[in-house]
PDB file of N, CA and C in Angstrom:
ATOM      1  N   MET A   1      13.298  30.442  20.302  1.00  0.00           N
ATOM      2  CA  MET A   1      13.395  30.578  21.733  1.00  0.00           C
ATOM      3  C   MET A   1      12.092  31.092  22.320  1.00  0.00           C
ATOM      4  N   THR A   2      11.162  31.477  21.482  1.00  0.00           N
ATOM      5  CA  THR A   2       9.883  31.982  21.954  1.00  0.00           C
ATOM      6  C   THR A   2       9.205  30.923  22.806  1.00  0.00           C
ATOM      7  N   GLY A   3       8.704  31.319  23.932  1.00  0.00           N
ATOM      8  CA  GLY A   3       8.028  30.383  24.820  1.00  0.00           C
ATOM      9  C   GLY A   3       8.935  29.800  25.890  1.00  0.00           C
ATOM     10  N   ALA A   4      10.229  30.083  25.827  1.00  0.00           N
ATOM     11  CA  ALA A   4      11.194  29.644  26.846  1.00  0.00           C
ATOM     12  C   ALA A   4      11.130  28.145  27.104  1.00  0.00           C
ATOM     13  N   ASN A   5      11.136  27.343  26.039  1.00  0.00           N
ATOM     14  CA  ASN A   5      11.116  25.886  26.145  1.00  0.00           C
ATOM     15  C   ASN A   5      12.484  25.388  26.601  1.00  0.00           C
ATOM     16  N   ALA A   6      12.519  24.688  27.717  1.00  0.00           N
ATOM     17  CA  ALA A   6      13.786  24.212  28.296  1.00  0.00           C
ATOM     18  C   ALA A   6      14.546  23.299  27.330  1.00  0.00           C
ATOM     19  N   ASN A   7      13.850  22.477  26.564  1.00  0.00           N
ATOM     20  CA  ASN A   7      14.527  21.594  25.610  1.00  0.00           C
ATOM     21  C   ASN A   7      15.264  22.383  24.533  1.00  0.00           C
ATOM     22  N   VAL A   8      14.686  23.483  24.105  1.00  0.00           N
ATOM     23  CA  VAL A   8      15.334  24.322  23.097  1.00  0.00           C
ATOM     24  C   VAL A   8      16.638  24.878  23.647  1.00  0.00           C
ATOM     25  N   PHE A   9      16.632  25.330  24.888  1.00  0.00           N
ATOM     26  CA  PHE A   9      17.846  25.876  25.486  1.00  0.00           C
ATOM     27  C   PHE A   9      18.907  24.802  25.650  1.00  0.00           C
ATOM     28  N   LEU A  10      18.503  23.586  25.955  1.00  0.00           N
ATOM     29  CA  LEU A  10      19.444  22.471  26.035  1.00  0.00           C
ATOM     30  C   LEU A  10      20.082  22.218  24.669  1.00  0.00           C
ATOM     31  N   GLU A  11      19.275  22.252  23.618  1.00  0.00           N
ATOM     32  CA  GLU A  11      19.792  22.038  22.273  1.00  0.00           C
ATOM     33  C   GLU A  11      20.733  23.169  21.842  1.00  0.00           C
ATOM     34  N   ILE A  12      20.416  24.402  22.229  1.00  0.00           N
ATOM     35  CA  ILE A  12      21.300  25.527  21.921  1.00  0.00           C
ATOM     36  C   ILE A  12      22.651  25.332  22.611  1.00  0.00           C
ATOM     37  N   GLY A  13      22.621  24.974  23.886  1.00  0.00           N
ATOM     38  CA  GLY A  13      23.862  24.742  24.629  1.00  0.00           C
ATOM     39  C   GLY A  13      24.687  23.620  24.021  1.00  0.00           C
ATOM     40  N   TYR A  14      24.021  22.557  23.588  1.00  0.00           N
ATOM     41  CA  TYR A  14      24.721  21.436  22.960  1.00  0.00           C
ATOM     42  C   TYR A  14      25.395  21.890  21.659  1.00  0.00           C
ATOM     43  N   ALA A  15      24.647  22.641  20.833  1.00  0.00           N
ATOM     44  CA  ALA A  15      25.203  23.132  19.570  1.00  0.00           C
ATOM     45  C   ALA A  15      26.403  24.031  19.830  1.00  0.00           C
ATOM     46  N   TRP A  16      26.281  24.933  20.798  1.00  0.00           N
ATOM     47  CA  TRP A  16      27.394  25.826  21.123  1.00  0.00           C
ATOM     48  C   TRP A  16      28.583  25.029  21.637  1.00  0.00           C
ATOM     49  N   GLY A  17      28.328  24.024  22.469  1.00  0.00           N
ATOM     50  CA  GLY A  17      29.401  23.194  23.002  1.00  0.00           C
ATOM     51  C   GLY A  17      30.138  22.430  21.912  1.00  0.00           C
ATOM     52  N   LYS A  18      29.425  22.060  20.849  1.00  0.00           N
ATOM     53  CA  LYS A  18      30.035  21.350  19.722  1.00  0.00           C
ATOM     54  C   LYS A  18      30.628  22.302  18.693  1.00  0.00           C
ATOM     55  N   GLY A  19      30.505  23.626  18.944  1.00  0.00           N
ATOM     56  CA  GLY A  19      31.060  24.611  18.026  1.00  0.00           C
ATOM     57  C   GLY A  19      30.261  24.777  16.744  1.00  0.00           C
ATOM     58  N   ARG A  20      28.992  24.437  16.777  1.00  0.00           N
ATOM     59  CA  ARG A  20      28.141  24.546  15.588  1.00  0.00           C
ATOM     60  C   ARG A  20      27.598  25.959  15.425  1.00  0.00           C
ATOM     61  N   PRO A  21      27.559  26.460  14.204  1.00  0.00           N
ATOM     62  CA  PRO A  21      26.951  27.774  13.992  1.00  0.00           C
ATOM     63  C   PRO A  21      25.450  27.695  14.264  1.00  0.00           C
ATOM     64  N   THR A  22      24.920  28.720  14.879  1.00  0.00           N
ATOM     65  CA  THR A  22      23.499  28.738  15.216  1.00  0.00           C
ATOM     66  C   THR A  22      22.879  30.061  14.808  1.00  0.00           C
ATOM     67  N   VAL A  23      21.594  30.015  14.526  1.00  0.00           N
ATOM     68  CA  VAL A  23      20.791  31.212  14.322  1.00  0.00           C
ATOM     69  C   VAL A  23      19.588  31.050  15.240  1.00  0.00           C
ATOM     70  N   LEU A  24      19.502  31.920  16.232  1.00  0.00           N
ATOM     71  CA  LEU A  24      18.432  31.832  17.215  1.00  0.00           C
ATOM     72  C   LEU A  24      17.289  32.751  16.806  1.00  0.00           C
ATOM     73  N   LEU A  25      16.070  32.250  16.910  1.00  0.00           N
ATOM     74  CA  LEU A  25      14.882  33.006  16.526  1.00  0.00           C
ATOM     75  C   LEU A  25      14.068  33.347  17.763  1.00  0.00           C
ATOM     76  N   TRP A  26      13.609  34.577  17.812  1.00  0.00           N
ATOM     77  CA  TRP A  26      12.822  35.054  18.949  1.00  0.00           C
ATOM     78  C   TRP A  26      11.681  35.914  18.425  1.00  0.00           C
ATOM     79  N   ARG A  27      10.448  35.426  18.591  1.00  0.00           N
ATOM     80  CA  ARG A  27       9.297  36.240  18.213  1.00  0.00           C
ATOM     81  C   ARG A  27       9.008  37.202  19.349  1.00  0.00           C
ATOM     82  N   LYS A  28       9.000  38.492  19.028  1.00  0.00           N
ATOM     83  CA  LYS A  28       8.758  39.504  20.049  1.00  0.00           C
ATOM     84  C   LYS A  28       7.344  39.334  20.605  1.00  0.00           C
ATOM     85  N   PRO A  29       7.206  39.399  21.931  1.00  0.00           N
ATOM     86  CA  PRO A  29       5.877  39.252  22.513  1.00  0.00           C
ATOM     87  C   PRO A  29       5.035  40.504  22.262  1.00  0.00           C
ATOM     88  N   PRO A  30       3.721  40.354  22.352  1.00  0.00           N
ATOM     89  CA  PRO A  30       2.864  41.529  22.182  1.00  0.00           C
ATOM     90  C   PRO A  30       3.130  42.551  23.282  1.00  0.00           C
ATOM     91  N   ASP A  31       2.828  43.816  22.975  1.00  0.00           N
ATOM     92  CA  ASP A  31       3.005  44.868  23.983  1.00  0.00           C
ATOM     93  C   ASP A  31       2.281  44.502  25.268  1.00  0.00           C
ATOM     94  N   GLY A  32       2.923  44.795  26.377  1.00  0.00           N
ATOM     95  CA  GLY A  32       2.326  44.505  27.674  1.00  0.00           C
ATOM     96  C   GLY A  32       2.675  43.139  28.231  1.00  0.00           C
ATOM     97  N   SER A  33       3.370  42.323  27.451  1.00  0.00           N
ATOM     98  CA  SER A  33       3.775  41.006  27.931  1.00  0.00           C
ATOM     99  C   SER A  33       4.877  41.171  28.970  1.00  0.00           C
ATOM    100  N   PRO A  34       4.860  40.365  30.043  1.00  0.00           N
ATOM    101  CA  PRO A  34       5.900  40.506  31.066  1.00  0.00           C
ATOM    102  C   PRO A  34       7.292  40.089  30.584  1.00  0.00           C
ATOM    103  N   LEU A  35       7.378  39.222  29.584  1.00  0.00           N
ATOM    104  CA  LEU A  35       8.665  38.760  29.073  1.00  0.00           C
ATOM    105  C   LEU A  35       9.013  39.574  27.838  1.00  0.00           C
ATOM    106  N   GLN A  36       9.977  40.483  27.943  1.00  0.00           N
ATOM    107  CA  GLN A  36      10.311  41.385  26.849  1.00  0.00           C
ATOM    108  C   GLN A  36      11.558  40.979  26.077  1.00  0.00           C
ATOM    109  N   GLY A  37      12.188  39.896  26.423  1.00  0.00           N
ATOM    110  CA  GLY A  37      13.377  39.447  25.715  1.00  0.00           C
ATOM    111  C   GLY A  37      13.693  38.019  26.088  1.00  0.00           C
ATOM    112  N   PRO A  38      14.652  37.409  25.395  1.00  0.00           N
ATOM    113  CA  PRO A  38      15.034  36.032  25.731  1.00  0.00           C
ATOM    114  C   PRO A  38      15.453  35.934  27.194  1.00  0.00           C
ATOM    115  N   PRO A  39      15.205  34.796  27.825  1.00  0.00           N
ATOM    116  CA  PRO A  39      15.487  34.649  29.247  1.00  0.00           C
ATOM    117  C   PRO A  39      16.958  34.445  29.595  1.00  0.00           C
ATOM    118  N   PHE A  40      17.850  34.498  28.630  1.00  0.00           N
ATOM    119  CA  PHE A  40      19.273  34.448  28.945  1.00  0.00           C
ATOM    120  C   PHE A  40      20.032  35.274  27.920  1.00  0.00           C
ATOM    121  N   ASP A  41      21.266  35.592  28.239  1.00  0.00           N
ATOM    122  CA  ASP A  41      22.056  36.482  27.405  1.00  0.00           C
ATOM    123  C   ASP A  41      22.635  35.720  26.215  1.00  0.00           C
ATOM    124  N   VAL A  42      22.343  36.204  25.027  1.00  0.00           N
ATOM    125  CA  VAL A  42      22.938  35.655  23.815  1.00  0.00           C
ATOM    126  C   VAL A  42      23.490  36.820  23.002  1.00  0.00           C
ATOM    127  N   THR A  43      24.478  36.536  22.169  1.00  0.00           N
ATOM    128  CA  THR A  43      25.057  37.608  21.371  1.00  0.00           C
ATOM    129  C   THR A  43      24.049  38.092  20.344  1.00  0.00           C
ATOM    130  N   VAL A  44      24.090  39.364  20.065  1.00  0.00           N
ATOM    131  CA  VAL A  44      23.155  39.966  19.129  1.00  0.00           C
ATOM    132  C   VAL A  44      23.308  39.365  17.735  1.00  0.00           C
ATOM    133  N   ASP A  45      24.531  39.035  17.327  1.00  0.00           N
ATOM    134  CA  ASP A  45      24.769  38.517  15.983  1.00  0.00           C
ATOM    135  C   ASP A  45      24.097  37.175  15.727  1.00  0.00           C
ATOM    136  N   SER A  46      23.846  36.418  16.758  1.00  0.00           N
ATOM    137  CA  SER A  46      23.297  35.072  16.556  1.00  0.00           C
ATOM    138  C   SER A  46      21.786  35.012  16.743  1.00  0.00           C
ATOM    139  N   ARG A  47      21.155  36.150  16.908  1.00  0.00           N
ATOM    140  CA  ARG A  47      19.712  36.140  17.211  1.00  0.00           C
ATOM    141  C   ARG A  47      18.958  37.014  16.217  1.00  0.00           C
ATOM    142  N   ILE A  48      17.816  36.509  15.763  1.00  0.00           N
ATOM    143  CA  ILE A  48      16.907  37.291  14.938  1.00  0.00           C
ATOM    144  C   ILE A  48      15.628  37.477  15.746  1.00  0.00           C
ATOM    145  N   GLU A  49      15.277  38.729  15.968  1.00  0.00           N
ATOM    146  CA  GLU A  49      14.011  39.044  16.628  1.00  0.00           C
ATOM    147  C   GLU A  49      13.031  39.517  15.566  1.00  0.00           C
ATOM    148  N   TYR A  50      11.808  39.012  15.616  1.00  0.00           N
ATOM    149  CA  TYR A  50      10.827  39.382  14.609  1.00  0.00           C
ATOM    150  C   TYR A  50       9.444  39.513  15.243  1.00  0.00           C
ATOM    151  N   GLU A  51       8.585  40.234  14.565  1.00  0.00           N
ATOM    152  CA  GLU A  51       7.199  40.377  15.010  1.00  0.00           C
ATOM    153  C   GLU A  51       6.258  39.599  14.104  1.00  0.00           C
ATOM    154  N   HIS A  52       6.516  39.657  12.801  1.00  0.00           N
ATOM    155  CA  HIS A  52       5.644  39.011  11.823  1.00  0.00           C
ATOM    156  C   HIS A  52       6.449  38.024  10.996  1.00  0.00           C
ATOM    157  N   ILE A  53       5.803  36.968  10.536  1.00  0.00           N
ATOM    158  CA  ILE A  53       6.508  35.917   9.798  1.00  0.00           C
ATOM    159  C   ILE A  53       7.176  36.462   8.532  1.00  0.00           C
ATOM    160  N   GLY A  54       6.588  37.474   7.913  1.00  0.00           N
ATOM    161  CA  GLY A  54       7.206  38.082   6.732  1.00  0.00           C
ATOM    162  C   GLY A  54       8.550  38.712   7.055  1.00  0.00           C
ATOM    163  N   ASP A  55       8.641  39.331   8.239  1.00  0.00           N
ATOM    164  CA  ASP A  55       9.915  39.905   8.688  1.00  0.00           C
ATOM    165  C   ASP A  55      10.952  38.809   8.896  1.00  0.00           C
ATOM    166  N   LEU A  56      10.521  37.699   9.459  1.00  0.00           N
ATOM    167  CA  LEU A  56      11.428  36.582   9.706  1.00  0.00           C
ATOM    168  C   LEU A  56      11.952  36.017   8.397  1.00  0.00           C
ATOM    169  N   ASP A  57      11.096  35.891   7.406  1.00  0.00           N
ATOM    170  CA  ASP A  57      11.493  35.340   6.114  1.00  0.00           C
ATOM    171  C   ASP A  57      12.675  36.105   5.536  1.00  0.00           C
ATOM    172  N   GLN A  58      12.590  37.398   5.505  1.00  0.00           N
ATOM    173  CA  GLN A  58      13.659  38.220   4.940  1.00  0.00           C
ATOM    174  C   GLN A  58      14.922  38.170   5.801  1.00  0.00           C
ATOM    175  N   ALA A  59      14.778  38.344   7.103  1.00  0.00           N
ATOM    176  CA  ALA A  59      15.937  38.375   8.003  1.00  0.00           C
ATOM    177  C   ALA A  59      16.663  37.029   8.024  1.00  0.00           C
ATOM    178  N   LEU A  60      15.912  35.932   8.029  1.00  0.00           N
ATOM    179  CA  LEU A  60      16.535  34.611   8.059  1.00  0.00           C
ATOM    180  C   LEU A  60      17.267  34.334   6.754  1.00  0.00           C
ATOM    181  N   GLY A  61      16.681  34.729   5.641  1.00  0.00           N
ATOM    182  CA  GLY A  61      17.358  34.561   4.354  1.00  0.00           C
ATOM    183  C   GLY A  61      18.691  35.282   4.316  1.00  0.00           C
ATOM    184  N   GLU A  62      18.699  36.515   4.799  1.00  0.00           N
ATOM    185  CA  GLU A  62      19.939  37.299   4.825  1.00  0.00           C
ATOM    186  C   GLU A  62      20.978  36.666   5.746  1.00  0.00           C
ATOM    187  N   LYS A  63      20.540  36.204   6.918  1.00  0.00           N
ATOM    188  CA  LYS A  63      21.464  35.599   7.882  1.00  0.00           C
ATOM    189  C   LYS A  63      22.065  34.308   7.323  1.00  0.00           C
ATOM    190  N   LEU A  64      21.253  33.480   6.680  1.00  0.00           N
ATOM    191  CA  LEU A  64      21.758  32.217   6.134  1.00  0.00           C
ATOM    192  C   LEU A  64      22.721  32.458   4.974  1.00  0.00           C
ATOM    193  N   LYS A  65      22.459  33.467   4.150  1.00  0.00           N
ATOM    194  CA  LYS A  65      23.402  33.800   3.078  1.00  0.00           C
ATOM    195  C   LYS A  65      24.745  34.219   3.665  1.00  0.00           C
ATOM    196  N   ALA A  66      24.718  34.993   4.739  1.00  0.00           N
ATOM    197  CA  ALA A  66      25.960  35.438   5.383  1.00  0.00           C
ATOM    198  C   ALA A  66      26.696  34.266   6.031  1.00  0.00           C
ATOM    199  N   LEU A  67      25.964  33.284   6.529  1.00  0.00           N
ATOM    200  CA  LEU A  67      26.572  32.134   7.202  1.00  0.00           C
ATOM    201  C   LEU A  67      26.967  31.019   6.246  1.00  0.00           C
ATOM    202  N   TYR A  68      26.600  31.128   4.991  1.00  0.00           N
ATOM    203  CA  TYR A  68      26.839  30.038   4.047  1.00  0.00           C
ATOM    204  C   TYR A  68      28.282  29.521   4.054  1.00  0.00           C
ATOM    205  N   PRO A  69      29.283  30.385   4.002  1.00  0.00           N
ATOM    206  CA  PRO A  69      30.670  29.860   4.010  1.00  0.00           C
ATOM    207  C   PRO A  69      30.977  29.026   5.261  1.00  0.00           C
ATOM    208  N   VAL A  70      30.484  29.454   6.399  1.00  0.00           N
ATOM    209  CA  VAL A  70      30.731  28.719   7.647  1.00  0.00           C
ATOM    210  C   VAL A  70      29.981  27.391   7.632  1.00  0.00           C
ATOM    211  N   LEU A  71      28.725  27.409   7.204  1.00  0.00           N
ATOM    212  CA  LEU A  71      27.924  26.189   7.144  1.00  0.00           C
ATOM    213  C   LEU A  71      28.522  25.186   6.150  1.00  0.00           C
ATOM    214  N   ARG A  72      28.992  25.693   5.029  1.00  0.00           N
ATOM    215  CA  ARG A  72      29.596  24.822   4.008  1.00  0.00           C
ATOM    216  C   ARG A  72      30.862  24.164   4.550  1.00  0.00           C
ATOM    217  N   GLN A  73      31.671  24.931   5.262  1.00  0.00           N
ATOM    218  CA  GLN A  73      32.898  24.376   5.837  1.00  0.00           C
ATOM    219  C   GLN A  73      32.589  23.274   6.847  1.00  0.00           C
ATOM    220  N   HIS A  74      31.544  23.475   7.671  1.00  0.00           N
ATOM    221  CA  HIS A  74      31.155  22.445   8.633  1.00  0.00           C
ATOM    222  C   HIS A  74      30.644  21.189   7.935  1.00  0.00           C
ATOM    223  N   ALA A  75      30.000  21.370   6.789  1.00  0.00           N
ATOM    224  CA  ALA A  75      29.421  20.222   6.078  1.00  0.00           C
ATOM    225  C   ALA A  75      30.466  19.419   5.310  1.00  0.00           C
ATOM    226  N   ILE A  76      31.419  20.100   4.645  1.00  0.00           N
ATOM    227  CA  ILE A  76      32.351  19.380   3.786  1.00  0.00           C
ATOM    228  C   ILE A  76      33.808  19.521   4.189  1.00  0.00           C
ATOM    229  N   GLY A  77      34.098  20.372   5.158  1.00  0.00           N
ATOM    230  CA  GLY A  77      35.477  20.563   5.579  1.00  0.00           C
ATOM    231  C   GLY A  77      36.147  21.692   4.804  1.00  0.00           C
ATOM    232  N   PRO A  78      37.389  22.000   5.146  1.00  0.00           N
ATOM    233  CA  PRO A  78      38.103  23.086   4.482  1.00  0.00           C
ATOM    234  C   PRO A  78      38.303  22.810   2.997  1.00  0.00           C
ATOM    235  N   ASP A  79      38.400  23.885   2.206  1.00  0.00           N
ATOM    236  CA  ASP A  79      38.639  23.748   0.760  1.00  0.00           C
ATOM    237  C   ASP A  79      39.999  23.154   0.470  1.00  0.00           C
TER     238      ASP A  79
END
């Protein structure tokens, strides 16, 4: 979501409308930037905020492991 690209927000809305699990990424702006957070309200559970790519690597890995059962169900259906 970094950069407030309108196409990205359209894709997020489409995914949410289809009931797809999402993980939203937001690179924190440098200190003094006028934009201090995403330009719309999203739930904290679905967003990863990071400053450095190394932080993102770890946080995204953890989030995807937690979402694995949901992602697997969407891919192959119920057990």
